[in-house]
Amino acid sequence: MKSKICIIILLISATFLGVYGQDISYFLDENIIEWNAMYYLTAVTYISIFLYFVKILWTYILQRKNVLKGNILNLYWLVTVIPSFLISLWSIFVLAMWWG
């Protein structure tokens, strides 16, 4: 049960960072350390993609240990791969537009 909750937390965290990366980088630039917001966005994008990668790896490990089986396993893979791919593409697109 703990591992399933951790997977859900990873998904929510990575999605939040991927979707709101621009706002987070502006916030960090204005309120924490005045640095170029582009560097903050780069860091937030990498962290988001890394969290998705960890989530995919964790789901695979749970599959190998037979913790997730049948329809639940298919649902986890569906919820893992599709949002990970789409939001990572969006984050990379936004990052590429920022870098010019």
C-alpha atoms as a PDB file:
ATOM      1  CA  MET A   1       0.000   0.000   0.000  1.00  0.00           C
ATOM      2  CA  LYS A   2       2.851   2.371   0.823  1.00  0.00           C
ATOM      3  CA  SER A   3       4.452   1.886  -2.556  1.00  0.00           C
ATOM      4  CA  LYS A   4       1.186   2.617  -4.363  1.00  0.00           C
ATOM      5  CA  ILE A   5       0.773   5.869  -2.428  1.00  0.00           C
ATOM      6  CA  CYS A   6       4.376   6.831  -3.220  1.00  0.00           C
ATOM      7  CA  ILE A   7       3.749   6.193  -6.922  1.00  0.00           C
ATOM      8  CA  ILE A   8       0.687   8.443  -6.824  1.00  0.00           C
ATOM      9  CA  ILE A   9       2.645  11.168  -5.004  1.00  0.00           C
ATOM     10  CA  LEU A  10       5.416  10.921  -7.614  1.00  0.00           C
ATOM     11  CA  LEU A  11       2.872  11.246 -10.417  1.00  0.00           C
ATOM     12  CA  ILE A  12       1.214  14.297  -8.851  1.00  0.00           C
ATOM     13  CA  SER A  13       4.552  15.969  -8.062  1.00  0.00           C
ATOM     14  CA  ALA A  14       6.026  15.372 -11.502  1.00  0.00           C
ATOM     15  CA  THR A  15       2.837  16.536 -13.207  1.00  0.00           C
ATOM     16  CA  PHE A  16       2.692  19.689 -11.095  1.00  0.00           C
ATOM     17  CA  LEU A  17       6.326  20.506 -11.870  1.00  0.00           C
ATOM     18  CA  GLY A  18       5.868  19.753 -15.560  1.00  0.00           C
ATOM     19  CA  VAL A  19       2.710  21.799 -16.041  1.00  0.00           C
ATOM     20  CA  TYR A  20       3.513  24.746 -13.768  1.00  0.00           C
ATOM     21  CA  GLY A  21       7.254  24.899 -14.444  1.00  0.00           C
ATOM     22  CA  GLN A  22       7.114  28.429 -15.840  1.00  0.00           C
ATOM     23  CA  ASP A  23       5.226  29.784 -12.851  1.00  0.00           C
ATOM     24  CA  ILE A  24       7.556  28.017 -10.442  1.00  0.00           C
ATOM     25  CA  SER A  25      10.631  29.410 -12.177  1.00  0.00           C
ATOM     26  CA  TYR A  26       9.210  32.949 -12.136  1.00  0.00           C
ATOM     27  CA  PHE A  27       8.375  32.555  -8.435  1.00  0.00           C
ATOM     28  CA  LEU A  28      11.872  31.314  -7.616  1.00  0.00           C
ATOM     29  CA  ASP A  29      13.440  34.120  -9.639  1.00  0.00           C
ATOM     30  CA  GLU A  30      11.402  36.838  -7.941  1.00  0.00           C
ATOM     31  CA  ASN A  31      11.315  35.543  -4.362  1.00  0.00           C
ATOM     32  CA  ILE A  32      14.289  33.296  -3.684  1.00  0.00           C
ATOM     33  CA  ILE A  33      17.441  34.264  -5.572  1.00  0.00           C
ATOM     34  CA  GLU A  34      17.470  36.655  -8.497  1.00  0.00           C
ATOM     35  CA  TRP A  35      18.848  34.458 -11.194  1.00  0.00           C
ATOM     36  CA  ASN A  36      17.814  33.961 -14.766  1.00  0.00           C
ATOM     37  CA  ALA A  37      14.409  32.241 -14.708  1.00  0.00           C
ATOM     38  CA  MET A  38      15.519  30.146 -17.673  1.00  0.00           C
ATOM     39  CA  TYR A  39      17.915  28.218 -15.430  1.00  0.00           C
ATOM     40  CA  TYR A  40      15.176  27.589 -12.893  1.00  0.00           C
ATOM     41  CA  LEU A  41      12.901  26.319 -15.660  1.00  0.00           C
ATOM     42  CA  THR A  42      15.651  23.994 -16.875  1.00  0.00           C
ATOM     43  CA  ALA A  43      16.094  22.563 -13.376  1.00  0.00           C
ATOM     44  CA  VAL A  44      12.344  22.169 -12.823  1.00  0.00           C
ATOM     45  CA  THR A  45      11.962  20.422 -16.194  1.00  0.00           C
ATOM     46  CA  TYR A  46      14.793  17.995 -15.458  1.00  0.00           C
ATOM     47  CA  ILE A  47      13.364  17.241 -12.008  1.00  0.00           C
ATOM     48  CA  SER A  48       9.931  16.586 -13.503  1.00  0.00           C
ATOM     49  CA  ILE A  49      11.308  14.193 -16.118  1.00  0.00           C
ATOM     50  CA  PHE A  50      13.446  12.470 -13.477  1.00  0.00           C
ATOM     51  CA  LEU A  51      10.398  11.944 -11.235  1.00  0.00           C
ATOM     52  CA  TYR A  52       8.502  10.411 -14.156  1.00  0.00           C
ATOM     53  CA  PHE A  53      11.451   8.121 -14.833  1.00  0.00           C
ATOM     54  CA  VAL A  54      11.527   7.052 -11.172  1.00  0.00           C
ATOM     55  CA  LYS A  55       7.780   6.374 -11.311  1.00  0.00           C
ATOM     56  CA  ILE A  56       8.150   4.188 -14.405  1.00  0.00           C
ATOM     57  CA  LEU A  57      11.065   2.329 -12.811  1.00  0.00           C
ATOM     58  CA  TRP A  58       9.140   1.833  -9.572  1.00  0.00           C
ATOM     59  CA  THR A  59       6.095   0.504 -11.419  1.00  0.00           C
ATOM     60  CA  TYR A  60       8.341  -1.947 -13.270  1.00  0.00           C
ATOM     61  CA  ILE A  61       9.893  -3.126  -9.990  1.00  0.00           C
ATOM     62  CA  LEU A  62       6.446  -3.650  -8.461  1.00  0.00           C
ATOM     63  CA  GLN A  63       5.460  -5.625 -11.548  1.00  0.00           C
ATOM     64  CA  ARG A  64       8.535  -7.851 -11.224  1.00  0.00           C
ATOM     65  CA  LYS A  65       7.788  -8.462  -7.518  1.00  0.00           C
ATOM     66  CA  ASN A  66       4.163  -9.332  -8.385  1.00  0.00           C
ATOM     67  CA  VAL A  67       2.788  -6.586  -6.145  1.00  0.00           C
ATOM     68  CA  LEU A  68       0.720  -5.234  -9.035  1.00  0.00           C
ATOM     69  CA  LYS A  69      -1.246  -7.749 -11.074  1.00  0.00           C
ATOM     70  CA  GLY A  70      -3.890  -7.909 -13.776  1.00  0.00           C
ATOM     71  CA  ASN A  71      -6.136  -4.936 -14.422  1.00  0.00           C
ATOM     72  CA  ILE A  72      -4.489  -2.813 -11.725  1.00  0.00           C
ATOM     73  CA  LEU A  73      -1.123  -3.297 -13.418  1.00  0.00           C
ATOM     74  CA  ASN A  74      -2.555  -2.279 -16.796  1.00  0.00           C
ATOM     75  CA  LEU A  75      -4.121   0.795 -15.204  1.00  0.00           C
ATOM     76  CA  TYR A  76      -0.827   1.753 -13.546  1.00  0.00           C
ATOM     77  CA  TRP A  77       1.038   1.449 -16.855  1.00  0.00           C
ATOM     78  CA  LEU A  78      -1.618   3.474 -18.644  1.00  0.00           C
ATOM     79  CA  VAL A  79      -1.570   6.203 -15.998  1.00  0.00           C
ATOM     80  CA  THR A  80       2.229   6.124 -15.932  1.00  0.00           C
ATOM     81  CA  VAL A  81       3.235   6.175 -19.583  1.00  0.00           C
ATOM     82  CA  ILE A  82       0.691   8.449 -21.274  1.00  0.00           C
ATOM     83  CA  PRO A  83       0.848  11.452 -18.894  1.00  0.00           C
ATOM     84  CA  SER A  84       4.608  11.030 -18.515  1.00  0.00           C
ATOM     85  CA  PHE A  85       5.140  11.201 -22.249  1.00  0.00           C
ATOM     86  CA  LEU A  86       2.730  14.069 -22.941  1.00  0.00           C
ATOM     87  CA  ILE A  87       3.723  16.302 -20.045  1.00  0.00           C
ATOM     88  CA  SER A  88       7.431  15.685 -20.618  1.00  0.00           C
ATOM     89  CA  LEU A  89       6.995  16.672 -24.270  1.00  0.00           C
ATOM     90  CA  TRP A  90       5.145  19.811 -23.184  1.00  0.00           C
ATOM     91  CA  SER A  91       7.861  20.684 -20.654  1.00  0.00           C
ATOM     92  CA  ILE A  92      10.627  20.182 -23.211  1.00  0.00           C
ATOM     93  CA  PHE A  93       8.706  22.281 -25.755  1.00  0.00           C
ATOM     94  CA  VAL A  94       8.312  25.134 -23.265  1.00  0.00           C
ATOM     95  CA  LEU A  95      11.971  24.851 -22.283  1.00  0.00           C
ATOM     96  CA  ALA A  96      13.053  24.942 -25.934  1.00  0.00           C
ATOM     97  CA  MET A  97      10.946  28.057 -26.527  1.00  0.00           C
ATOM     98  CA  TRP A  98      12.559  29.742 -23.536  1.00  0.00           C
ATOM     99  CA  TRP A  99      16.067  28.898 -24.674  1.00  0.00           C
ATOM    100  CA  GLY A 100      15.239  30.162 -28.152  1.00  0.00           C
END
